Amino acid sequence: MKIVRRIGASPRERGSLSGETCPDIFELSDGNFAIIGTDFTAVLDKELPPDAERANYERIVVISRETLIRAKADIPDA
């Protein structure tokens, strides 16, 4: 599995000059997506709706609204 491309604007394009706020979205060679974000599993795990579950190896990751909105145009429809 390899990173094929960035989805949306780079952190620098979104104003991160310090390297401390770098959420990012990448498309992978297998068609999946990888997310760099802040691990909020401990905070949000108890907030999951009853029909949502998380495996022990999964984490709830938060990215900024701007990161996702700026990625929207690059996300394939299918």
PDB file of N, CA and C in Angstrom:
ATOM      1  N   MET A   1       0.848  -1.173   0.000  1.00  0.00           N
ATOM      2  CA  MET A   1       0.000   0.000   0.000  1.00  0.00           C
ATOM      3  C   MET A   1       0.898   1.242   0.000  1.00  0.00           C
ATOM      4  N   LYS A   2       0.540   2.193  -0.844  1.00  0.00           N
ATOM      5  CA  LYS A   2       1.325   3.426  -0.952  1.00  0.00           C
ATOM      6  C   LYS A   2       0.391   4.625  -1.022  1.00  0.00           C
ATOM      7  N   ILE A   3       0.928   5.778  -0.645  1.00  0.00           N
ATOM      8  CA  ILE A   3       0.184   7.026  -0.805  1.00  0.00           C
ATOM      9  C   ILE A   3       0.258   7.419  -2.272  1.00  0.00           C
ATOM     10  N   VAL A   4      -0.914   7.623  -2.883  1.00  0.00           N
ATOM     11  CA  VAL A   4      -0.993   7.979  -4.293  1.00  0.00           C
ATOM     12  C   VAL A   4      -0.997   9.494  -4.459  1.00  0.00           C
ATOM     13  N   ARG A   5      -1.809  10.172  -3.624  1.00  0.00           N
ATOM     14  CA  ARG A   5      -1.895  11.629  -3.750  1.00  0.00           C
ATOM     15  C   ARG A   5      -2.525  12.237  -2.511  1.00  0.00           C
ATOM     16  N   ARG A   6      -2.273  13.502  -2.327  1.00  0.00           N
ATOM     17  CA  ARG A   6      -2.923  14.285  -1.263  1.00  0.00           C
ATOM     18  C   ARG A   6      -4.316  14.644  -1.749  1.00  0.00           C
ATOM     19  N   ILE A   7      -5.255  14.648  -0.838  1.00  0.00           N
ATOM     20  CA  ILE A   7      -6.623  15.069  -1.137  1.00  0.00           C
ATOM     21  C   ILE A   7      -6.803  16.444  -0.493  1.00  0.00           C
ATOM     22  N   GLY A   8      -6.999  17.456  -1.322  1.00  0.00           N
ATOM     23  CA  GLY A   8      -7.183  18.811  -0.812  1.00  0.00           C
ATOM     24  C   GLY A   8      -5.883  19.577  -0.692  1.00  0.00           C
ATOM     25  N   ALA A   9      -5.960  20.685   0.005  1.00  0.00           N
ATOM     26  CA  ALA A   9      -4.815  21.584   0.166  1.00  0.00           C
ATOM     27  C   ALA A   9      -3.832  21.040   1.197  1.00  0.00           C
ATOM     28  N   SER A  10      -2.566  21.333   0.992  1.00  0.00           N
ATOM     29  CA  SER A  10      -1.546  20.923   1.964  1.00  0.00           C
ATOM     30  C   SER A  10      -1.695  21.760   3.236  1.00  0.00           C
ATOM     31  N   PRO A  11      -1.147  21.280   4.352  1.00  0.00           N
ATOM     32  CA  PRO A  11      -1.190  22.083   5.580  1.00  0.00           C
ATOM     33  C   PRO A  11      -0.603  23.485   5.373  1.00  0.00           C
ATOM     34  N   ARG A  12       0.483  23.588   4.628  1.00  0.00           N
ATOM     35  CA  ARG A  12       1.102  24.894   4.364  1.00  0.00           C
ATOM     36  C   ARG A  12       0.137  25.814   3.612  1.00  0.00           C
ATOM     37  N   GLU A  13      -0.583  25.257   2.630  1.00  0.00           N
ATOM     38  CA  GLU A  13      -1.559  26.052   1.883  1.00  0.00           C
ATOM     39  C   GLU A  13      -2.722  26.506   2.777  1.00  0.00           C
ATOM     40  N   ARG A  14      -2.975  25.756   3.856  1.00  0.00           N
ATOM     41  CA  ARG A  14      -4.032  26.132   4.794  1.00  0.00           C
ATOM     42  C   ARG A  14      -3.506  27.011   5.923  1.00  0.00           C
ATOM     43  N   GLY A  15      -2.231  27.396   5.846  1.00  0.00           N
ATOM     44  CA  GLY A  15      -1.696  28.345   6.817  1.00  0.00           C
ATOM     45  C   GLY A  15      -0.835  27.770   7.916  1.00  0.00           C
ATOM     46  N   SER A  16      -0.529  26.475   7.878  1.00  0.00           N
ATOM     47  CA  SER A  16       0.320  25.875   8.905  1.00  0.00           C
ATOM     48  C   SER A  16       1.783  26.079   8.535  1.00  0.00           C
ATOM     49  N   LEU A  17       2.406  27.040   9.155  1.00  0.00           N
ATOM     50  CA  LEU A  17       3.813  27.314   8.882  1.00  0.00           C
ATOM     51  C   LEU A  17       4.726  26.694   9.933  1.00  0.00           C
ATOM     52  N   SER A  18       4.153  26.326  11.075  1.00  0.00           N
ATOM     53  CA  SER A  18       4.957  25.809  12.174  1.00  0.00           C
ATOM     54  C   SER A  18       5.092  24.291  12.152  1.00  0.00           C
ATOM     55  N   GLY A  19       4.232  23.618  11.400  1.00  0.00           N
ATOM     56  CA  GLY A  19       4.253  22.157  11.406  1.00  0.00           C
ATOM     57  C   GLY A  19       3.504  21.566  12.582  1.00  0.00           C
ATOM     58  N   GLU A  20       2.819  22.392  13.352  1.00  0.00           N
ATOM     59  CA  GLU A  20       2.111  21.910  14.530  1.00  0.00           C
ATOM     60  C   GLU A  20       0.638  21.644  14.277  1.00  0.00           C
ATOM     61  N   THR A  21       0.079  22.164  13.203  1.00  0.00           N
ATOM     62  CA  THR A  21      -1.319  21.904  12.877  1.00  0.00           C
ATOM     63  C   THR A  21      -1.364  21.375  11.454  1.00  0.00           C
ATOM     64  N   CYS A  22      -1.206  20.063  11.334  1.00  0.00           N
ATOM     65  CA  CYS A  22      -1.012  19.485  10.013  1.00  0.00           C
ATOM     66  C   CYS A  22      -1.998  18.370   9.675  1.00  0.00           C
ATOM     67  N   PRO A  23      -3.302  18.544   9.947  1.00  0.00           N
ATOM     68  CA  PRO A  23      -4.203  17.489   9.492  1.00  0.00           C
ATOM     69  C   PRO A  23      -4.080  17.350   7.979  1.00  0.00           C
ATOM     70  N   ASP A  24      -4.238  16.116   7.498  1.00  0.00           N
ATOM     71  CA  ASP A  24      -4.041  15.873   6.079  1.00  0.00           C
ATOM     72  C   ASP A  24      -4.841  14.643   5.678  1.00  0.00           C
ATOM     73  N   ILE A  25      -5.169  14.555   4.391  1.00  0.00           N
ATOM     74  CA  ILE A  25      -5.919  13.425   3.849  1.00  0.00           C
ATOM     75  C   ILE A  25      -5.171  12.935   2.617  1.00  0.00           C
ATOM     76  N   PHE A  26      -4.991  11.616   2.517  1.00  0.00           N
ATOM     77  CA  PHE A  26      -4.286  11.019   1.389  1.00  0.00           C
ATOM     78  C   PHE A  26      -5.096   9.871   0.799  1.00  0.00           C
ATOM     79  N   GLU A  27      -5.073   9.758  -0.528  1.00  0.00           N
ATOM     80  CA  GLU A  27      -5.651   8.594  -1.187  1.00  0.00           C
ATOM     81  C   GLU A  27      -4.559   7.540  -1.288  1.00  0.00           C
ATOM     82  N   LEU A  28      -4.920   6.294  -1.012  1.00  0.00           N
ATOM     83  CA  LEU A  28      -3.965   5.197  -1.034  1.00  0.00           C
ATOM     84  C   LEU A  28      -4.109   4.372  -2.307  1.00  0.00           C
ATOM     85  N   SER A  29      -3.084   3.612  -2.621  1.00  0.00           N
ATOM     86  CA  SER A  29      -3.067   2.824  -3.850  1.00  0.00           C
ATOM     87  C   SER A  29      -4.176   1.780  -3.900  1.00  0.00           C
ATOM     88  N   ASP A  30      -4.705   1.381  -2.754  1.00  0.00           N
ATOM     89  CA  ASP A  30      -5.794   0.397  -2.741  1.00  0.00           C
ATOM     90  C   ASP A  30      -7.176   1.060  -2.787  1.00  0.00           C
ATOM     91  N   GLY A  31      -7.210   2.404  -2.937  1.00  0.00           N
ATOM     92  CA  GLY A  31      -8.475   3.126  -3.019  1.00  0.00           C
ATOM     93  C   GLY A  31      -8.974   3.652  -1.687  1.00  0.00           C
ATOM     94  N   ASN A  32      -8.375   3.234  -0.590  1.00  0.00           N
ATOM     95  CA  ASN A  32      -8.750   3.744   0.727  1.00  0.00           C
ATOM     96  C   ASN A  32      -8.104   5.106   0.962  1.00  0.00           C
ATOM     97  N   PHE A  33      -8.437   5.702   2.098  1.00  0.00           N
ATOM     98  CA  PHE A  33      -7.896   7.008   2.451  1.00  0.00           C
ATOM     99  C   PHE A  33      -7.200   6.930   3.802  1.00  0.00           C
ATOM    100  N   ALA A  34      -6.124   7.675   3.952  1.00  0.00           N
ATOM    101  CA  ALA A  34      -5.410   7.790   5.224  1.00  0.00           C
ATOM    102  C   ALA A  34      -5.572   9.223   5.716  1.00  0.00           C
ATOM    103  N   ILE A  35      -5.784   9.363   7.023  1.00  0.00           N
ATOM    104  CA  ILE A  35      -6.022  10.662   7.629  1.00  0.00           C
ATOM    105  C   ILE A  35      -4.964  10.925   8.701  1.00  0.00           C
ATOM    106  N   ILE A  36      -4.372  12.107   8.666  1.00  0.00           N
ATOM    107  CA  ILE A  36      -3.543  12.583   9.772  1.00  0.00           C
ATOM    108  C   ILE A  36      -4.415  13.568  10.533  1.00  0.00           C
ATOM    109  N   GLY A  37      -4.656  13.276  11.780  1.00  0.00           N
ATOM    110  CA  GLY A  37      -5.491  14.138  12.602  1.00  0.00           C
ATOM    111  C   GLY A  37      -5.157  13.939  14.068  1.00  0.00           C
ATOM    112  N   THR A  38      -5.941  14.549  14.913  1.00  0.00           N
ATOM    113  CA  THR A  38      -5.728  14.459  16.350  1.00  0.00           C
ATOM    114  C   THR A  38      -6.547  13.304  16.906  1.00  0.00           C
ATOM    115  N   ASP A  39      -5.907  12.436  17.672  1.00  0.00           N
ATOM    116  CA  ASP A  39      -6.586  11.285  18.262  1.00  0.00           C
ATOM    117  C   ASP A  39      -7.499  11.743  19.397  1.00  0.00           C
ATOM    118  N   PHE A  40      -8.798  11.663  19.158  1.00  0.00           N
ATOM    119  CA  PHE A  40      -9.798  12.039  20.157  1.00  0.00           C
ATOM    120  C   PHE A  40     -10.596  10.823  20.615  1.00  0.00           C
ATOM    121  N   THR A  41     -10.021   9.632  20.466  1.00  0.00           N
ATOM    122  CA  THR A  41     -10.730   8.409  20.816  1.00  0.00           C
ATOM    123  C   THR A  41     -11.231   8.434  22.248  1.00  0.00           C
ATOM    124  N   ALA A  42     -10.387   8.791  23.178  1.00  0.00           N
ATOM    125  CA  ALA A  42     -10.779   8.781  24.599  1.00  0.00           C
ATOM    126  C   ALA A  42     -11.929   9.737  24.879  1.00  0.00           C
ATOM    127  N   VAL A  43     -11.976  10.838  24.162  1.00  0.00           N
ATOM    128  CA  VAL A  43     -13.009  11.851  24.384  1.00  0.00           C
ATOM    129  C   VAL A  43     -14.322  11.476  23.695  1.00  0.00           C
ATOM    130  N   LEU A  44     -14.233  10.972  22.461  1.00  0.00           N
ATOM    131  CA  LEU A  44     -15.437  10.774  21.656  1.00  0.00           C
ATOM    132  C   LEU A  44     -15.988   9.354  21.650  1.00  0.00           C
ATOM    133  N   ASP A  45     -15.239   8.391  22.151  1.00  0.00           N
ATOM    134  CA  ASP A  45     -15.685   7.000  22.137  1.00  0.00           C
ATOM    135  C   ASP A  45     -17.062   6.848  22.786  1.00  0.00           C
ATOM    136  N   LYS A  46     -17.265   7.489  23.910  1.00  0.00           N
ATOM    137  CA  LYS A  46     -18.542   7.381  24.631  1.00  0.00           C
ATOM    138  C   LYS A  46     -19.663   8.156  23.941  1.00  0.00           C
ATOM    139  N   GLU A  47     -19.320   8.991  22.962  1.00  0.00           N
ATOM    140  CA  GLU A  47     -20.301   9.787  22.229  1.00  0.00           C
ATOM    141  C   GLU A  47     -20.817   9.084  20.966  1.00  0.00           C
ATOM    142  N   LEU A  48     -20.211   7.963  20.609  1.00  0.00           N
ATOM    143  CA  LEU A  48     -20.636   7.254  19.410  1.00  0.00           C
ATOM    144  C   LEU A  48     -22.095   6.831  19.544  1.00  0.00           C
ATOM    145  N   PRO A  49     -22.868   6.922  18.463  1.00  0.00           N
ATOM    146  CA  PRO A  49     -24.262   6.475  18.519  1.00  0.00           C
ATOM    147  C   PRO A  49     -24.323   4.963  18.726  1.00  0.00           C
ATOM    148  N   PRO A  50     -25.451   4.451  19.197  1.00  0.00           N
ATOM    149  CA  PRO A  50     -25.574   3.018  19.505  1.00  0.00           C
ATOM    150  C   PRO A  50     -25.268   2.099  18.326  1.00  0.00           C
ATOM    151  N   ASP A  51     -25.476   2.550  17.102  1.00  0.00           N
ATOM    152  CA  ASP A  51     -25.240   1.685  15.948  1.00  0.00           C
ATOM    153  C   ASP A  51     -23.830   1.830  15.368  1.00  0.00           C
ATOM    154  N   ALA A  52     -22.942   2.523  16.071  1.00  0.00           N
ATOM    155  CA  ALA A  52     -21.550   2.677  15.632  1.00  0.00           C
ATOM    156  C   ALA A  52     -20.634   1.959  16.615  1.00  0.00           C
ATOM    157  N   GLU A  53     -19.651   1.267  16.066  1.00  0.00           N
ATOM    158  CA  GLU A  53     -18.676   0.572  16.911  1.00  0.00           C
ATOM    159  C   GLU A  53     -17.277   0.849  16.402  1.00  0.00           C
ATOM    160  N   ARG A  54     -16.319   0.680  17.281  1.00  0.00           N
ATOM    161  CA  ARG A  54     -14.915   0.905  16.962  1.00  0.00           C
ATOM    162  C   ARG A  54     -14.123  -0.299  17.431  1.00  0.00           C
ATOM    163  N   ALA A  55     -13.338  -0.889  16.529  1.00  0.00           N
ATOM    164  CA  ALA A  55     -12.474  -2.007  16.907  1.00  0.00           C
ATOM    165  C   ALA A  55     -11.327  -1.484  17.759  1.00  0.00           C
ATOM    166  N   ASN A  56     -10.703  -2.345  18.522  1.00  0.00           N
ATOM    167  CA  ASN A  56      -9.594  -1.939  19.395  1.00  0.00           C
ATOM    168  C   ASN A  56      -8.437  -1.304  18.635  1.00  0.00           C
ATOM    169  N   TYR A  57      -8.241  -1.687  17.384  1.00  0.00           N
ATOM    170  CA  TYR A  57      -7.140  -1.129  16.592  1.00  0.00           C
ATOM    171  C   TYR A  57      -7.529   0.158  15.864  1.00  0.00           C
ATOM    172  N   GLU A  58      -8.790   0.586  15.965  1.00  0.00           N
ATOM    173  CA  GLU A  58      -9.248   1.810  15.305  1.00  0.00           C
ATOM    174  C   GLU A  58      -9.230   2.989  16.265  1.00  0.00           C
ATOM    175  N   ARG A  59      -9.067   4.166  15.726  1.00  0.00           N
ATOM    176  CA  ARG A  59      -9.054   5.398  16.508  1.00  0.00           C
ATOM    177  C   ARG A  59     -10.028   6.388  15.896  1.00  0.00           C
ATOM    178  N   ILE A  60     -10.590   7.254  16.725  1.00  0.00           N
ATOM    179  CA  ILE A  60     -11.421   8.358  16.255  1.00  0.00           C
ATOM    180  C   ILE A  60     -10.486   9.544  16.082  1.00  0.00           C
ATOM    181  N   VAL A  61     -10.352   9.991  14.845  1.00  0.00           N
ATOM    182  CA  VAL A  61      -9.414  11.058  14.522  1.00  0.00           C
ATOM    183  C   VAL A  61     -10.195  12.290  14.088  1.00  0.00           C
ATOM    184  N   VAL A  62      -9.804  13.440  14.594  1.00  0.00           N
ATOM    185  CA  VAL A  62     -10.461  14.702  14.272  1.00  0.00           C
ATOM    186  C   VAL A  62      -9.559  15.506  13.342  1.00  0.00           C
ATOM    187  N   ILE A  63     -10.171  16.027  12.274  1.00  0.00           N
ATOM    188  CA  ILE A  63      -9.484  16.959  11.389  1.00  0.00           C
ATOM    189  C   ILE A  63     -10.302  18.243  11.369  1.00  0.00           C
ATOM    190  N   SER A  64      -9.680  19.317  10.992  1.00  0.00           N
ATOM    191  CA  SER A  64     -10.400  20.589  10.974  1.00  0.00           C
ATOM    192  C   SER A  64     -11.440  20.604   9.859  1.00  0.00           C
ATOM    193  N   ARG A  65     -12.455  21.406  10.058  1.00  0.00           N
ATOM    194  CA  ARG A  65     -13.499  21.583   9.038  1.00  0.00           C
ATOM    195  C   ARG A  65     -12.877  22.061   7.725  1.00  0.00           C
ATOM    196  N   GLU A  66     -11.942  22.999   7.814  1.00  0.00           N
ATOM    197  CA  GLU A  66     -11.295  23.536   6.619  1.00  0.00           C
ATOM    198  C   GLU A  66     -10.580  22.437   5.839  1.00  0.00           C
ATOM    199  N   THR A  67      -9.927  21.507   6.546  1.00  0.00           N
ATOM    200  CA  THR A  67      -9.222  20.418   5.874  1.00  0.00           C
ATOM    201  C   THR A  67     -10.177  19.605   5.015  1.00  0.00           C
ATOM    202  N   LEU A  68     -11.321  19.245   5.576  1.00  0.00           N
ATOM    203  CA  LEU A  68     -12.271  18.426   4.827  1.00  0.00           C
ATOM    204  C   LEU A  68     -12.953  19.217   3.712  1.00  0.00           C
ATOM    205  N   ILE A  69     -13.331  20.440   3.981  1.00  0.00           N
ATOM    206  CA  ILE A  69     -13.991  21.253   2.956  1.00  0.00           C
ATOM    207  C   ILE A  69     -13.059  21.492   1.772  1.00  0.00           C
ATOM    208  N   ARG A  70     -11.791  21.754   2.056  1.00  0.00           N
ATOM    209  CA  ARG A  70     -10.841  22.001   0.963  1.00  0.00           C
ATOM    210  C   ARG A  70     -10.486  20.727   0.218  1.00  0.00           C
ATOM    211  N   ALA A  71     -10.768  19.565   0.820  1.00  0.00           N
ATOM    212  CA  ALA A  71     -10.531  18.288   0.161  1.00  0.00           C
ATOM    213  C   ALA A  71     -11.718  17.844  -0.694  1.00  0.00           C
ATOM    214  N   LYS A  72     -12.877  18.412  -0.453  1.00  0.00           N
ATOM    215  CA  LYS A  72     -14.114  17.978  -1.105  1.00  0.00           C
ATOM    216  C   LYS A  72     -13.984  17.863  -2.617  1.00  0.00           C
ATOM    217  N   ALA A  73     -13.393  18.828  -3.257  1.00  0.00           N
ATOM    218  CA  ALA A  73     -13.279  18.822  -4.720  1.00  0.00           C
ATOM    219  C   ALA A  73     -12.411  17.675  -5.227  1.00  0.00           C
ATOM    220  N   ASP A  74     -11.504  17.161  -4.409  1.00  0.00           N
ATOM    221  CA  ASP A  74     -10.598  16.096  -4.819  1.00  0.00           C
ATOM    222  C   ASP A  74     -11.112  14.703  -4.494  1.00  0.00           C
ATOM    223  N   ILE A  75     -12.220  14.593  -3.769  1.00  0.00           N
ATOM    224  CA  ILE A  75     -12.750  13.291  -3.375  1.00  0.00           C
ATOM    225  C   ILE A  75     -13.592  12.746  -4.524  1.00  0.00           C
ATOM    226  N   PRO A  76     -13.240  11.545  -5.014  1.00  0.00           N
ATOM    227  CA  PRO A  76     -13.981  10.988  -6.131  1.00  0.00           C
ATOM    228  C   PRO A  76     -15.440  10.710  -5.769  1.00  0.00           C
ATOM    229  N   ASP A  77     -16.325  10.786  -6.759  1.00  0.00           N
ATOM    230  CA  ASP A  77     -17.739  10.471  -6.544  1.00  0.00           C
ATOM    231  C   ASP A  77     -17.970   8.971  -6.422  1.00  0.00           C
ATOM    232  N   ALA A  78     -17.124   8.196  -7.028  1.00  0.00           N
ATOM    233  CA  ALA A  78     -17.298   6.737  -6.976  1.00  0.00           C
ATOM    234  C   ALA A  78     -15.953   6.055  -6.847  1.00  0.00           C
TER     235      ALA A  78
END
